[in-house]
Amino acid sequence: MASKHPNSVFGSELGRFESDPSLTNDDLRPTTPNERTFSGSEMASLWIGLVVGVPTYYLAGSLVDLGMAWWEGIATVVIANIILLVPLILTGQPGTQYGISFPVLARSSFGIRGAHVPTLLRALVGCGWYGIETWIGGEAIFLLLPSSLKGTVFARTVPWLGTSPLEFTCFIFFWLAQLAIIWKGMDGIRELEKYSAPILIVLTSLLLGWAYVRAGGFGYMLSLSSRLSGVEFWSLFFPSLTANISFWATLAINIPDFTRYAKSQTDQVLGQAGLPIFMGAFTFVGLAVTCSTKIIFGRVISNPIELLGKIGGFFTLVLAIFGISLATITTNIAANIVAPANALVNLSPSKFTFTRGALLTALLGIAFQPWRLLQSSESFVYTWLLGYSALLGPIMGITLSDYYLIRRTNLNINALYSTNPLGTYYYTGGYNLTAMTALVFGILPVIPGFLQKVGVLNTVSNLFIVIYNNAWFVSFFTAGIVHCILSCLSGTAENSQLVDPLFPGES
């Protein structure tokens, strides 16, 4: 008689686990109890490594530049991450419960083959961010090089390349440095995040202490008041809230890739609860230090890499390169390598391992030519964040509504790895047309506002602008609601509660 516990398909009864070779390998199979080694503190360390980085440093400061008071900027960041914490924990639950990664979880809602759509969309965003973060790491090396070297002909921009040979070399050097960690797989990533967290905390504290002492306190920052009227504030607040939610909405989708290694649900919840705390703390550091540069240097220096280069001293220079590099690597590898690598493994388990998928992701990061992307104005970040939130919002809405409202957290593990046409998640040719339709409904309302934002359309209705400014919320709830309605109308919701006769022991 089969055990009712969903995890009984592995561990001591691993021999009972049945799967189609085209749908699994060692990276996609459910984790065994012995592989569940992530404690709550290690999950928290993951977030420290993710949060401490150059992009996060800018967040609150950019909002203050747009007119918010210092506390309003930090509050916007914290509120966004408290909101995101809810779907983050909810999406992490099946990872811990069943030991499955996001691509496997996506099969339950999108279908055995249809899962490629959400996972590859997530992978595309990850590849773009991987290139951007790697370029930032390369810039840290470049900006902190001796002036004599930066004054040579190699530091001049080559038109066809779009950057200088020296900057490109720094980029490739940083790109190569990350491969050593990528090569070790998830174990290497866990060790990196675990041991980097205390180092990053110390370095961040040193930077904050230096700014406090040199500026004689944070009086200048505390004196900054809002330059916005009530209407202006709210018109800025909502798109800023959406942009900040989108910042980690990428990882919120594929968080099962990490929580599948958590020891328990308590560990994954407690570990992730640190996100809004760490985000609030580090954005405060970024804002406080940035404001202090006005007193110390007579002008605002918002780029932390440039700031570290001005502090001076050989020891400081070495420490700065080490700190920026470590912060960038911990963010980049965990946030932008794991999801694309797993998506490629899911696409072809026989051809891709996690390491091969990660290597291809790194190569695609170069193909994105991030130095060209970052030549745009600051609005690029908001266009980028808001734009891709229209893709990630509906994926999360469909995944959560399917798992919690339709399936009531019950998954058929063996059916997730089966191509049998009568299987629970085979649907129509391996695609759940209900989820695909809901995905389209979630994305469509945001398109007019996005086209207007990037300049393709000159004018659109104010309604579409409002929808675009709240893209994640609109797409999340629209897709989730449509998926539930269509599932009920098609009978998918009722059928999901039945025991699959093919796999009776795993329902």
Foldseek 3Di string as FASTA:
>chain_A
DFDQQQQCCDDPNVVNFDFDLFFDDPLFAADHLVLQDFFLVLLLLLLLLQCPAQVLLCQLVVVVVVFAASVLSLVLLLVLLVVLLVLLLLLQVLLQRNRGWLLLLLLLQWFLVRSLVLLVLLLVLLLQVLLQLLLLLLVLVVLLDDPVVCPDPQQDQDVVLLGGNSSVVSSVVLLVVLLVLLQVPPVSLSVLSNVVNVVLVVVLVVLLVVLCVLLVHQVQSNPRHGPDDPVRCVVPSLLSSLLSNLVCLSCSSGVSSPSSSHNHSVSNSSNSVCNSVSSSVSNSSSSSSQSSCCRNVVDGDNRVSNVLSVVDDPVSSVVSSVNNSSSSSSNSCVRRQQSQLVSVCSVGVVVGDSSRSSVVSSVSSVVSVNSVQVVDDPCSSSLSSLVSLLQSLLSSLSSSLCCCVQLVVADQSSLSRDCPCLGLSNPPVRGDVLLVVLSCQLNVLQVVLSCCSVPVDVDDDVVNVVCSSNSNVSSNNSSNVSSVVVCVVVVSSVVSHDQRPVRNSRD
